[in-house]
Amino acid sequence: VQLQASGGGLVQAGGSLRLSCKSSGLPLGNYPMGWFRQAPGKDREFVASINRSGVRKDYGDSVKGRFTIPRNNAENTMYLQMNGLYPEDTAVYYCAAKRGSEYHIWGQGTLVTVSS
C-alpha cells in the first residue's frame, strides 16, 4: 500500500500549483484524506481534509480561500489545488489517508517552493 504525492516544484509568489496524491494498492474512496505540510524548522501543519464522498472539506486557516482539495475516487486520486501562493507556503507537502480518528497511511511528500 503506497501513497504517491507529486506536482511540487518552484513557483513565484501569486502563482498556482496542483498537487496529486495517487494510491497504489489502496482504494482511496474508502478513506477520508488529508494534506499536511512541514516547513524547515517547523512542526507539521494541517492544510486540508476531505471526507470519503468529497462533500465535506476542511481547511487550515492559513490556506482558506486559496487552496481546494478535490478528489476523484474513480481515478484513485486526490488533489490539492493551490492558488495565490505565498513564500510562507514553502514546505514539503504530504498526503495521508485516515483510518478511524488517525491518519495512518502517509505519502512520501513533495516539495513546494514559492519564491518572492
PDB file of N, CA and C in Angstrom:
ATOM      1  N   VAL A   1       0.855  -1.183   0.000  1.00  0.00           N
ATOM      2  CA  VAL A   1       0.000   0.000   0.000  1.00  0.00           C
ATOM      3  C   VAL A   1       0.891   1.233   0.000  1.00  0.00           C
ATOM      4  N   GLN A   2       0.649   2.126  -0.935  1.00  0.00           N
ATOM      5  CA  GLN A   2       1.513   3.295  -1.055  1.00  0.00           C
ATOM      6  C   GLN A   2       0.721   4.487  -1.557  1.00  0.00           C
ATOM      7  N   LEU A   3       1.038   5.648  -0.968  1.00  0.00           N
ATOM      8  CA  LEU A   3       0.506   6.894  -1.469  1.00  0.00           C
ATOM      9  C   LEU A   3       1.655   7.652  -2.123  1.00  0.00           C
ATOM     10  N   GLN A   4       1.413   8.155  -3.311  1.00  0.00           N
ATOM     11  CA  GLN A   4       2.445   8.865  -4.061  1.00  0.00           C
ATOM     12  C   GLN A   4       1.992  10.297  -4.289  1.00  0.00           C
ATOM     13  N   ALA A   5       2.677  11.233  -3.643  1.00  0.00           N
ATOM     14  CA  ALA A   5       2.389  12.653  -3.849  1.00  0.00           C
ATOM     15  C   ALA A   5       3.308  13.190  -4.922  1.00  0.00           C
ATOM     16  N   SER A   6       2.769  14.046  -5.775  1.00  0.00           N
ATOM     17  CA  SER A   6       3.561  14.637  -6.852  1.00  0.00           C
ATOM     18  C   SER A   6       3.009  16.008  -7.193  1.00  0.00           C
ATOM     19  N   GLY A   7       3.753  16.722  -8.034  1.00  0.00           N
ATOM     20  CA  GLY A   7       3.285  18.013  -8.506  1.00  0.00           C
ATOM     21  C   GLY A   7       3.980  19.202  -7.885  1.00  0.00           C
ATOM     22  N   GLY A   8       4.849  18.961  -6.929  1.00  0.00           N
ATOM     23  CA  GLY A   8       5.573  20.069  -6.318  1.00  0.00           C
ATOM     24  C   GLY A   8       6.567  20.683  -7.283  1.00  0.00           C
ATOM     25  N   GLY A   9       7.102  21.820  -6.891  1.00  0.00           N
ATOM     26  CA  GLY A   9       8.077  22.500  -7.723  1.00  0.00           C
ATOM     27  C   GLY A   9       8.292  23.916  -7.258  1.00  0.00           C
ATOM     28  N   LEU A  10       8.934  24.686  -8.111  1.00  0.00           N
ATOM     29  CA  LEU A  10       9.241  26.079  -7.815  1.00  0.00           C
ATOM     30  C   LEU A  10       8.242  26.978  -8.547  1.00  0.00           C
ATOM     31  N   VAL A  11       7.661  27.901  -7.813  1.00  0.00           N
ATOM     32  CA  VAL A  11       6.678  28.804  -8.401  1.00  0.00           C
ATOM     33  C   VAL A  11       6.863  30.183  -7.782  1.00  0.00           C
ATOM     34  N   GLN A  12       6.531  31.208  -8.527  1.00  0.00           N
ATOM     35  CA  GLN A  12       6.629  32.568  -7.999  1.00  0.00           C
ATOM     36  C   GLN A  12       5.428  32.886  -7.122  1.00  0.00           C
ATOM     37  N   ALA A  13       5.621  33.788  -6.211  1.00  0.00           N
ATOM     38  CA  ALA A  13       4.520  34.241  -5.356  1.00  0.00           C
ATOM     39  C   ALA A  13       3.360  34.704  -6.222  1.00  0.00           C
ATOM     40  N   GLY A  14       2.169  34.307  -5.807  1.00  0.00           N
ATOM     41  CA  GLY A  14       0.971  34.625  -6.576  1.00  0.00           C
ATOM     42  C   GLY A  14       0.590  33.561  -7.572  1.00  0.00           C
ATOM     43  N   GLY A  15       1.485  32.618  -7.801  1.00  0.00           N
ATOM     44  CA  GLY A  15       1.236  31.567  -8.767  1.00  0.00           C
ATOM     45  C   GLY A  15       0.410  30.427  -8.213  1.00  0.00           C
ATOM     46  N   SER A  16       0.267  29.393  -9.025  1.00  0.00           N
ATOM     47  CA  SER A  16      -0.564  28.240  -8.676  1.00  0.00           C
ATOM     48  C   SER A  16       0.186  26.947  -8.936  1.00  0.00           C
ATOM     49  N   LEU A  17      -0.171  25.945  -8.169  1.00  0.00           N
ATOM     50  CA  LEU A  17       0.304  24.582  -8.389  1.00  0.00           C
ATOM     51  C   LEU A  17      -0.828  23.634  -8.042  1.00  0.00           C
ATOM     52  N   ARG A  18      -0.806  22.468  -8.662  1.00  0.00           N
ATOM     53  CA  ARG A  18      -1.752  21.426  -8.281  1.00  0.00           C
ATOM     54  C   ARG A  18      -0.971  20.184  -7.899  1.00  0.00           C
ATOM     55  N   LEU A  19      -1.146  19.766  -6.670  1.00  0.00           N
ATOM     56  CA  LEU A  19      -0.524  18.541  -6.189  1.00  0.00           C
ATOM     57  C   LEU A  19      -1.485  17.365  -6.399  1.00  0.00           C
ATOM     58  N   SER A  20      -0.911  16.222  -6.630  1.00  0.00           N
ATOM     59  CA  SER A  20      -1.699  14.998  -6.775  1.00  0.00           C
ATOM     60  C   SER A  20      -1.254  13.976  -5.745  1.00  0.00           C
ATOM     61  N   CYS A  21      -2.185  13.164  -5.309  1.00  0.00           N
ATOM     62  CA  CYS A  21      -1.882  12.063  -4.402  1.00  0.00           C
ATOM     63  C   CYS A  21      -2.572  10.840  -4.961  1.00  0.00           C
ATOM     64  N   LYS A  22      -1.778   9.901  -5.436  1.00  0.00           N
ATOM     65  CA  LYS A  22      -2.333   8.712  -6.066  1.00  0.00           C
ATOM     66  C   LYS A  22      -1.980   7.493  -5.236  1.00  0.00           C
ATOM     67  N   SER A  23      -2.905   6.566  -5.195  1.00  0.00           N
ATOM     68  CA  SER A  23      -2.709   5.378  -4.383  1.00  0.00           C
ATOM     69  C   SER A  23      -2.407   4.171  -5.256  1.00  0.00           C
ATOM     70  N   SER A  24      -1.527   3.344  -4.760  1.00  0.00           N
ATOM     71  CA  SER A  24      -1.350   2.021  -5.346  1.00  0.00           C
ATOM     72  C   SER A  24      -1.657   1.006  -4.260  1.00  0.00           C
ATOM     73  N   GLY A  25      -2.640   0.168  -4.523  1.00  0.00           N
ATOM     74  CA  GLY A  25      -2.982  -0.866  -3.557  1.00  0.00           C
ATOM     75  C   GLY A  25      -3.956  -0.422  -2.493  1.00  0.00           C
ATOM     76  N   LEU A  26      -4.452   0.786  -2.579  1.00  0.00           N
ATOM     77  CA  LEU A  26      -5.386   1.282  -1.571  1.00  0.00           C
ATOM     78  C   LEU A  26      -6.521   2.017  -2.282  1.00  0.00           C
ATOM     79  N   PRO A  27      -7.761   1.560  -2.114  1.00  0.00           N
ATOM     80  CA  PRO A  27      -8.883   2.265  -2.725  1.00  0.00           C
ATOM     81  C   PRO A  27      -9.186   3.545  -1.951  1.00  0.00           C
ATOM     82  N   LEU A  28      -8.739   4.667  -2.465  1.00  0.00           N
ATOM     83  CA  LEU A  28      -8.835   5.913  -1.715  1.00  0.00           C
ATOM     84  C   LEU A  28     -10.271   6.290  -1.393  1.00  0.00           C
ATOM     85  N   GLY A  29     -11.201   5.816  -2.186  1.00  0.00           N
ATOM     86  CA  GLY A  29     -12.593   6.153  -1.939  1.00  0.00           C
ATOM     87  C   GLY A  29     -13.117   5.636  -0.610  1.00  0.00           C
ATOM     88  N   ASN A  30     -12.410   4.720  -0.003  1.00  0.00           N
ATOM     89  CA  ASN A  30     -12.823   4.171   1.289  1.00  0.00           C
ATOM     90  C   ASN A  30     -12.359   5.019   2.472  1.00  0.00           C
ATOM     91  N   TYR A  31     -11.557   6.045   2.212  1.00  0.00           N
ATOM     92  CA  TYR A  31     -10.911   6.754   3.303  1.00  0.00           C
ATOM     93  C   TYR A  31     -11.101   8.265   3.228  1.00  0.00           C
ATOM     94  N   PRO A  32     -11.326   8.890   4.376  1.00  0.00           N
ATOM     95  CA  PRO A  32     -11.119  10.335   4.437  1.00  0.00           C
ATOM     96  C   PRO A  32      -9.634  10.603   4.180  1.00  0.00           C
ATOM     97  N   MET A  33      -9.334  11.724   3.557  1.00  0.00           N
ATOM     98  CA  MET A  33      -7.958  12.018   3.169  1.00  0.00           C
ATOM     99  C   MET A  33      -7.582  13.409   3.630  1.00  0.00           C
ATOM    100  N   GLY A  34      -6.293  13.635   3.694  1.00  0.00           N
ATOM    101  CA  GLY A  34      -5.847  14.962   4.098  1.00  0.00           C
ATOM    102  C   GLY A  34      -4.518  15.326   3.476  1.00  0.00           C
ATOM    103  N   TRP A  35      -4.249  16.627   3.499  1.00  0.00           N
ATOM    104  CA  TRP A  35      -2.946  17.167   3.117  1.00  0.00           C
ATOM    105  C   TRP A  35      -2.359  17.878   4.341  1.00  0.00           C
ATOM    106  N   PHE A  36      -1.085  17.680   4.520  1.00  0.00           N
ATOM    107  CA  PHE A  36      -0.336  18.343   5.576  1.00  0.00           C
ATOM    108  C   PHE A  36       0.934  18.913   4.958  1.00  0.00           C
ATOM    109  N   ARG A  37       1.576  19.814   5.680  1.00  0.00           N
ATOM    110  CA  ARG A  37       2.834  20.339   5.179  1.00  0.00           C
ATOM    111  C   ARG A  37       3.781  20.587   6.349  1.00  0.00           C
ATOM    112  N   GLN A  38       5.056  20.568   6.025  1.00  0.00           N
ATOM    113  CA  GLN A  38       6.072  20.843   7.033  1.00  0.00           C
ATOM    114  C   GLN A  38       7.156  21.699   6.419  1.00  0.00           C
ATOM    115  N   ALA A  39       7.301  22.889   6.973  1.00  0.00           N
ATOM    116  CA  ALA A  39       8.348  23.800   6.535  1.00  0.00           C
ATOM    117  C   ALA A  39       9.605  23.546   7.356  1.00  0.00           C
ATOM    118  N   PRO A  40      10.763  23.914   6.843  1.00  0.00           N
ATOM    119  CA  PRO A  40      12.011  23.688   7.582  1.00  0.00           C
ATOM    120  C   PRO A  40      11.966  24.320   8.965  1.00  0.00           C
ATOM    121  N   GLY A  41      12.281  23.531   9.975  1.00  0.00           N
ATOM    122  CA  GLY A  41      12.327  24.038  11.335  1.00  0.00           C
ATOM    123  C   GLY A  41      10.981  24.234  11.993  1.00  0.00           C
ATOM    124  N   LYS A  42       9.917  23.806  11.317  1.00  0.00           N
ATOM    125  CA  LYS A  42       8.583  23.995  11.874  1.00  0.00           C
ATOM    126  C   LYS A  42       7.878  22.662  12.053  1.00  0.00           C
ATOM    127  N   ASP A  43       6.840  22.676  12.872  1.00  0.00           N
ATOM    128  CA  ASP A  43       6.033  21.473  13.068  1.00  0.00           C
ATOM    129  C   ASP A  43       5.169  21.217  11.837  1.00  0.00           C
ATOM    130  N   ARG A  44       4.749  19.968  11.716  1.00  0.00           N
ATOM    131  CA  ARG A  44       3.826  19.637  10.643  1.00  0.00           C
ATOM    132  C   ARG A  44       2.510  20.374  10.852  1.00  0.00           C
ATOM    133  N   GLU A  45       1.937  20.864   9.765  1.00  0.00           N
ATOM    134  CA  GLU A  45       0.739  21.702   9.818  1.00  0.00           C
ATOM    135  C   GLU A  45      -0.372  21.080   8.978  1.00  0.00           C
ATOM    136  N   PHE A  46      -1.572  21.090   9.510  1.00  0.00           N
ATOM    137  CA  PHE A  46      -2.736  20.639   8.756  1.00  0.00           C
ATOM    138  C   PHE A  46      -3.039  21.649   7.658  1.00  0.00           C
ATOM    139  N   VAL A  47      -3.290  21.144   6.444  1.00  0.00           N
ATOM    140  CA  VAL A  47      -3.617  22.013   5.324  1.00  0.00           C
ATOM    141  C   VAL A  47      -5.085  21.876   4.938  1.00  0.00           C
ATOM    142  N   ALA A  48      -5.515  20.648   4.690  1.00  0.00           N
ATOM    143  CA  ALA A  48      -6.887  20.441   4.234  1.00  0.00           C
ATOM    144  C   ALA A  48      -7.263  18.982   4.390  1.00  0.00           C
ATOM    145  N   SER A  49      -8.572  18.736   4.479  1.00  0.00           N
ATOM    146  CA  SER A  49      -9.064  17.360   4.533  1.00  0.00           C
ATOM    147  C   SER A  49     -10.347  17.258   3.737  1.00  0.00           C
ATOM    148  N   ILE A  50     -10.661  16.024   3.378  1.00  0.00           N
ATOM    149  CA  ILE A  50     -11.875  15.772   2.593  1.00  0.00           C
ATOM    150  C   ILE A  50     -12.436  14.429   3.021  1.00  0.00           C
ATOM    151  N   ASN A  51     -13.751  14.341   3.131  1.00  0.00           N
ATOM    152  CA  ASN A  51     -14.346  13.067   3.539  1.00  0.00           C
ATOM    153  C   ASN A  51     -14.429  12.125   2.334  1.00  0.00           C
ATOM    154  N   ARG A  52     -14.935  10.936   2.565  1.00  0.00           N
ATOM    155  CA  ARG A  52     -14.890   9.906   1.526  1.00  0.00           C
ATOM    156  C   ARG A  52     -15.674  10.310   0.290  1.00  0.00           C
ATOM    157  N   SER A  53     -16.821  10.926   0.493  1.00  0.00           N
ATOM    158  CA  SER A  53     -17.656  11.279  -0.653  1.00  0.00           C
ATOM    159  C   SER A  53     -17.196  12.550  -1.353  1.00  0.00           C
ATOM    160  N   GLY A  54     -16.384  13.335  -0.655  1.00  0.00           N
ATOM    161  CA  GLY A  54     -15.946  14.608  -1.219  1.00  0.00           C
ATOM    162  C   GLY A  54     -16.868  15.764  -0.898  1.00  0.00           C
ATOM    163  N   VAL A  55     -17.892  15.503  -0.104  1.00  0.00           N
ATOM    164  CA  VAL A  55     -18.855  16.568   0.207  1.00  0.00           C
ATOM    165  C   VAL A  55     -18.285  17.516   1.265  1.00  0.00           C
ATOM    166  N   ARG A  56     -17.674  16.931   2.300  1.00  0.00           N
ATOM    167  CA  ARG A  56     -17.162  17.772   3.377  1.00  0.00           C
ATOM    168  C   ARG A  56     -15.678  18.034   3.184  1.00  0.00           C
ATOM    169  N   LYS A  57     -15.302  19.295   3.246  1.00  0.00           N
ATOM    170  CA  LYS A  57     -13.903  19.695   3.120  1.00  0.00           C
ATOM    171  C   LYS A  57     -13.589  20.687   4.232  1.00  0.00           C
ATOM    172  N   ASP A  58     -12.447  20.546   4.811  1.00  0.00           N
ATOM    173  CA  ASP A  58     -11.993  21.468   5.848  1.00  0.00           C
ATOM    174  C   ASP A  58     -10.612  21.990   5.470  1.00  0.00           C
ATOM    175  N   TYR A  59     -10.340  23.226   5.884  1.00  0.00           N
ATOM    176  CA  TYR A  59      -9.082  23.863   5.505  1.00  0.00           C
ATOM    177  C   TYR A  59      -8.437  24.525   6.709  1.00  0.00           C
ATOM    178  N   GLY A  60      -7.116  24.509   6.707  1.00  0.00           N
ATOM    179  CA  GLY A  60      -6.398  25.265   7.717  1.00  0.00           C
ATOM    180  C   GLY A  60      -6.602  26.754   7.485  1.00  0.00           C
ATOM    181  N   ASP A  61      -6.531  27.512   8.560  1.00  0.00           N
ATOM    182  CA  ASP A  61      -6.808  28.945   8.461  1.00  0.00           C
ATOM    183  C   ASP A  61      -5.882  29.649   7.476  1.00  0.00           C
ATOM    184  N   SER A  62      -4.655  29.206   7.393  1.00  0.00           N
ATOM    185  CA  SER A  62      -3.681  29.899   6.550  1.00  0.00           C
ATOM    186  C   SER A  62      -3.907  29.675   5.055  1.00  0.00           C
ATOM    187  N   VAL A  63      -4.751  28.709   4.692  1.00  0.00           N
ATOM    188  CA  VAL A  63      -4.952  28.421   3.265  1.00  0.00           C
ATOM    189  C   VAL A  63      -6.389  28.620   2.813  1.00  0.00           C
ATOM    190  N   LYS A  64      -7.267  28.944   3.739  1.00  0.00           N
ATOM    191  CA  LYS A  64      -8.674  29.118   3.374  1.00  0.00           C
ATOM    192  C   LYS A  64      -8.825  30.189   2.303  1.00  0.00           C
ATOM    193  N   GLY A  65      -9.646  29.857   1.304  1.00  0.00           N
ATOM    194  CA  GLY A  65      -9.888  30.803   0.223  1.00  0.00           C
ATOM    195  C   GLY A  65      -8.853  30.743  -0.884  1.00  0.00           C
ATOM    196  N   ARG A  66      -7.772  30.023  -0.666  1.00  0.00           N
ATOM    197  CA  ARG A  66      -6.716  29.920  -1.682  1.00  0.00           C
ATOM    198  C   ARG A  66      -6.530  28.489  -2.182  1.00  0.00           C
ATOM    199  N   PHE A  67      -6.693  27.517  -1.310  1.00  0.00           N
ATOM    200  CA  PHE A  67      -6.484  26.112  -1.661  1.00  0.00           C
ATOM    201  C   PHE A  67      -7.825  25.390  -1.715  1.00  0.00           C
ATOM    202  N   THR A  68      -7.901  24.392  -2.589  1.00  0.00           N
ATOM    203  CA  THR A  68      -9.043  23.484  -2.592  1.00  0.00           C
ATOM    204  C   THR A  68      -8.540  22.049  -2.665  1.00  0.00           C
ATOM    205  N   ILE A  69      -9.384  21.102  -2.233  1.00  0.00           N
ATOM    206  CA  ILE A  69      -8.973  19.702  -2.115  1.00  0.00           C
ATOM    207  C   ILE A  69      -9.978  18.805  -2.810  1.00  0.00           C
ATOM    208  N   PRO A  70      -9.947  18.773  -4.127  1.00  0.00           N
ATOM    209  CA  PRO A  70     -10.846  17.852  -4.815  1.00  0.00           C
ATOM    210  C   PRO A  70     -10.309  16.414  -4.794  1.00  0.00           C
ATOM    211  N   ARG A  71     -11.178  15.494  -5.027  1.00  0.00           N
ATOM    212  CA  ARG A  71     -10.757  14.100  -5.145  1.00  0.00           C
ATOM    213  C   ARG A  71     -11.531  13.456  -6.278  1.00  0.00           C
ATOM    214  N   ASN A  72     -10.934  12.439  -6.865  1.00  0.00           N
ATOM    215  CA  ASN A  72     -11.574  11.657  -7.914  1.00  0.00           C
ATOM    216  C   ASN A  72     -11.425  10.195  -7.521  1.00  0.00           C
ATOM    217  N   ASN A  73     -12.434   9.655  -6.880  1.00  0.00           N
ATOM    218  CA  ASN A  73     -12.338   8.287  -6.384  1.00  0.00           C
ATOM    219  C   ASN A  73     -12.228   7.282  -7.526  1.00  0.00           C
ATOM    220  N   ALA A  74     -12.833   7.577  -8.647  1.00  0.00           N
ATOM    221  CA  ALA A  74     -12.755   6.662  -9.789  1.00  0.00           C
ATOM    222  C   ALA A  74     -11.317   6.528 -10.287  1.00  0.00           C
ATOM    223  N   GLU A  75     -10.541   7.610 -10.136  1.00  0.00           N
ATOM    224  CA  GLU A  75      -9.135   7.580 -10.551  1.00  0.00           C
ATOM    225  C   GLU A  75      -8.207   7.309  -9.379  1.00  0.00           C
ATOM    226  N   ASN A  76      -8.791   7.064  -8.200  1.00  0.00           N
ATOM    227  CA  ASN A  76      -7.978   6.762  -7.009  1.00  0.00           C
ATOM    228  C   ASN A  76      -6.977   7.875  -6.710  1.00  0.00           C
ATOM    229  N   THR A  77      -7.419   9.106  -6.882  1.00  0.00           N
ATOM    230  CA  THR A  77      -6.519  10.248  -6.770  1.00  0.00           C
ATOM    231  C   THR A  77      -7.178  11.383  -6.007  1.00  0.00           C
ATOM    232  N   MET A  78      -6.360  12.045  -5.204  1.00  0.00           N
ATOM    233  CA  MET A  78      -6.784  13.254  -4.518  1.00  0.00           C
ATOM    234  C   MET A  78      -5.853  14.384  -4.966  1.00  0.00           C
ATOM    235  N   TYR A  79      -6.347  15.604  -4.915  1.00  0.00           N
ATOM    236  CA  TYR A  79      -5.557  16.733  -5.382  1.00  0.00           C
ATOM    237  C   TYR A  79      -5.517  17.829  -4.322  1.00  0.00           C
ATOM    238  N   LEU A  80      -4.574  18.713  -4.475  1.00  0.00           N
ATOM    239  CA  LEU A  80      -4.554  19.959  -3.716  1.00  0.00           C
ATOM    240  C   LEU A  80      -4.290  21.070  -4.729  1.00  0.00           C
ATOM    241  N   GLN A  81      -5.315  21.850  -5.012  1.00  0.00           N
ATOM    242  CA  GLN A  81      -5.160  22.983  -5.920  1.00  0.00           C
ATOM    243  C   GLN A  81      -4.775  24.191  -5.089  1.00  0.00           C
ATOM    244  N   MET A  82      -3.614  24.731  -5.373  1.00  0.00           N
ATOM    245  CA  MET A  82      -3.080  25.838  -4.585  1.00  0.00           C
ATOM    246  C   MET A  82      -2.985  27.074  -5.468  1.00  0.00           C
ATOM    247  N   ASN A  83      -3.727  28.099  -5.107  1.00  0.00           N
ATOM    248  CA  ASN A  83      -3.723  29.362  -5.839  1.00  0.00           C
ATOM    249  C   ASN A  83      -3.239  30.471  -4.921  1.00  0.00           C
ATOM    250  N   GLY A  84      -2.767  31.550  -5.518  1.00  0.00           N
ATOM    251  CA  GLY A  84      -2.340  32.686  -4.719  1.00  0.00           C
ATOM    252  C   GLY A  84      -1.259  32.328  -3.723  1.00  0.00           C
ATOM    253  N   LEU A  85      -0.255  31.613  -4.185  1.00  0.00           N
ATOM    254  CA  LEU A  85       0.780  31.118  -3.266  1.00  0.00           C
ATOM    255  C   LEU A  85       1.633  32.241  -2.702  1.00  0.00           C
ATOM    256  N   TYR A  86       2.013  32.069  -1.433  1.00  0.00           N
ATOM    257  CA  TYR A  86       2.893  32.987  -0.732  1.00  0.00           C
ATOM    258  C   TYR A  86       4.217  32.280  -0.455  1.00  0.00           C
ATOM    259  N   PRO A  87       5.290  33.016  -0.252  1.00  0.00           N
ATOM    260  CA  PRO A  87       6.545  32.363   0.142  1.00  0.00           C
ATOM    261  C   PRO A  87       6.401  31.513   1.396  1.00  0.00           C
ATOM    262  N   GLU A  88       5.532  31.902   2.292  1.00  0.00           N
ATOM    263  CA  GLU A  88       5.346  31.113   3.521  1.00  0.00           C
ATOM    264  C   GLU A  88       4.605  29.805   3.286  1.00  0.00           C
ATOM    265  N   ASP A  89       4.139  29.567   2.075  1.00  0.00           N
ATOM    266  CA  ASP A  89       3.582  28.258   1.733  1.00  0.00           C
ATOM    267  C   ASP A  89       4.671  27.246   1.387  1.00  0.00           C
ATOM    268  N   THR A  90       5.901  27.701   1.336  1.00  0.00           N
ATOM    269  CA  THR A  90       7.022  26.804   1.038  1.00  0.00           C
ATOM    270  C   THR A  90       7.125  25.729   2.098  1.00  0.00           C
ATOM    271  N   ALA A  91       7.095  24.480   1.664  1.00  0.00           N
ATOM    272  CA  ALA A  91       7.120  23.343   2.593  1.00  0.00           C
ATOM    273  C   ALA A  91       7.136  22.048   1.791  1.00  0.00           C
ATOM    274  N   VAL A  92       7.367  20.966   2.501  1.00  0.00           N
ATOM    275  CA  VAL A  92       7.115  19.642   1.934  1.00  0.00           C
ATOM    276  C   VAL A  92       5.665  19.295   2.250  1.00  0.00           C
ATOM    277  N   TYR A  93       4.941  18.923   1.221  1.00  0.00           N
ATOM    278  CA  TYR A  93       3.522  18.615   1.357  1.00  0.00           C
ATOM    279  C   TYR A  93       3.317  17.103   1.337  1.00  0.00           C
ATOM    280  N   TYR A  94       2.528  16.622   2.288  1.00  0.00           N
ATOM    281  CA  TYR A  94       2.265  15.199   2.431  1.00  0.00           C
ATOM    282  C   TYR A  94       0.771  14.933   2.314  1.00  0.00           C
ATOM    283  N   CYS A  95       0.430  13.843   1.643  1.00  0.00           N
ATOM    284  CA  CYS A  95      -0.952  13.392   1.672  1.00  0.00           C
ATOM    285  C   CYS A  95      -1.054  12.200   2.616  1.00  0.00           C
ATOM    286  N   ALA A  96      -2.245  11.997   3.134  1.00  0.00           N
ATOM    287  CA  ALA A  96      -2.439  10.928   4.106  1.00  0.00           C
ATOM    288  C   ALA A  96      -3.865  10.423   4.046  1.00  0.00           C
ATOM    289  N   ALA A  97      -4.025   9.151   4.382  1.00  0.00           N
ATOM    290  CA  ALA A  97      -5.334   8.511   4.456  1.00  0.00           C
ATOM    291  C   ALA A  97      -5.667   8.237   5.911  1.00  0.00           C
ATOM    292  N   LYS A  98      -6.919   8.422   6.246  1.00  0.00           N
ATOM    293  CA  LYS A  98      -7.351   8.342   7.638  1.00  0.00           C
ATOM    294  C   LYS A  98      -8.074   7.032   7.907  1.00  0.00           C
ATOM    295  N   ARG A  99      -7.697   6.389   9.000  1.00  0.00           N
ATOM    296  CA  ARG A  99      -8.413   5.220   9.497  1.00  0.00           C
ATOM    297  C   ARG A  99      -8.892   5.559  10.894  1.00  0.00           C
ATOM    298  N   GLY A 100     -10.192   5.485  11.111  1.00  0.00           N
ATOM    299  CA  GLY A 100     -10.720   5.877  12.412  1.00  0.00           C
ATOM    300  C   GLY A 100     -10.481   7.347  12.624  1.00  0.00           C
ATOM    301  N   SER A 101      -9.824   7.684  13.733  1.00  0.00           N
ATOM    302  CA  SER A 101      -9.586   9.090  14.047  1.00  0.00           C
ATOM    303  C   SER A 101      -8.165   9.534  13.720  1.00  0.00           C
ATOM    304  N   GLU A 102      -7.360   8.644  13.145  1.00  0.00           N
ATOM    305  CA  GLU A 102      -5.949   8.960  12.918  1.00  0.00           C
ATOM    306  C   GLU A 102      -5.594   8.826  11.434  1.00  0.00           C
ATOM    307  N   TYR A 103      -4.632   9.643  11.017  1.00  0.00           N
ATOM    308  CA  TYR A 103      -4.057   9.479   9.679  1.00  0.00           C
ATOM    309  C   TYR A 103      -2.954   8.426   9.782  1.00  0.00           C
ATOM    310  N   HIS A 104      -3.221   7.269   9.187  1.00  0.00           N
ATOM    311  CA  HIS A 104      -2.317   6.135   9.361  1.00  0.00           C
ATOM    312  C   HIS A 104      -1.409   5.879   8.169  1.00  0.00           C
ATOM    313  N   ILE A 105      -1.830   6.298   6.998  1.00  0.00           N
ATOM    314  CA  ILE A 105      -1.076   5.979   5.793  1.00  0.00           C
ATOM    315  C   ILE A 105      -0.619   7.295   5.172  1.00  0.00           C
ATOM    316  N   TRP A 106       0.702   7.420   5.000  1.00  0.00           N
ATOM    317  CA  TRP A 106       1.278   8.689   4.549  1.00  0.00           C
ATOM    318  C   TRP A 106       2.049   8.506   3.248  1.00  0.00           C
ATOM    319  N   GLY A 107       1.973   9.510   2.397  1.00  0.00           N
ATOM    320  CA  GLY A 107       2.801   9.558   1.198  1.00  0.00           C
ATOM    321  C   GLY A 107       4.184  10.080   1.543  1.00  0.00           C
ATOM    322  N   GLN A 108       5.058  10.105   0.552  1.00  0.00           N
ATOM    323  CA  GLN A 108       6.459  10.445   0.797  1.00  0.00           C
ATOM    324  C   GLN A 108       6.730  11.941   0.786  1.00  0.00           C
ATOM    325  N   GLY A 109       5.808  12.754   0.373  1.00  0.00           N
ATOM    326  CA  GLY A 109       5.999  14.197   0.366  1.00  0.00           C
ATOM    327  C   GLY A 109       6.491  14.727  -0.960  1.00  0.00           C
ATOM    328  N   THR A 110       6.071  15.947  -1.260  1.00  0.00           N
ATOM    329  CA  THR A 110       6.532  16.634  -2.456  1.00  0.00           C
ATOM    330  C   THR A 110       6.834  18.081  -2.075  1.00  0.00           C
ATOM    331  N   LEU A 111       7.964  18.588  -2.537  1.00  0.00           N
ATOM    332  CA  LEU A 111       8.439  19.899  -2.113  1.00  0.00           C
ATOM    333  C   LEU A 111       7.827  21.004  -2.965  1.00  0.00           C
ATOM    334  N   VAL A 112       7.285  21.987  -2.284  1.00  0.00           N
ATOM    335  CA  VAL A 112       6.773  23.195  -2.928  1.00  0.00           C
ATOM    336  C   VAL A 112       7.628  24.360  -2.460  1.00  0.00           C
ATOM    337  N   THR A 113       8.168  25.099  -3.400  1.00  0.00           N
ATOM    338  CA  THR A 113       8.981  26.271  -3.085  1.00  0.00           C
ATOM    339  C   THR A 113       8.379  27.479  -3.783  1.00  0.00           C
ATOM    340  N   VAL A 114       8.058  28.483  -2.993  1.00  0.00           N
ATOM    341  CA  VAL A 114       7.461  29.695  -3.533  1.00  0.00           C
ATOM    342  C   VAL A 114       8.459  30.835  -3.388  1.00  0.00           C
ATOM    343  N   SER A 115       8.855  31.406  -4.485  1.00  0.00           N
ATOM    344  CA  SER A 115       9.836  32.496  -4.462  1.00  0.00           C
ATOM    345  C   SER A 115       9.136  33.843  -4.412  1.00  0.00           C
ATOM    346  N   SER A 116       9.793  34.778  -3.741  1.00  0.00           N
ATOM    347  CA  SER A 116       9.181  36.109  -3.608  1.00  0.00           C
ATOM    348  C   SER A 116       9.566  37.016  -4.770  1.00  0.00           C
TER     349      SER A 116
END
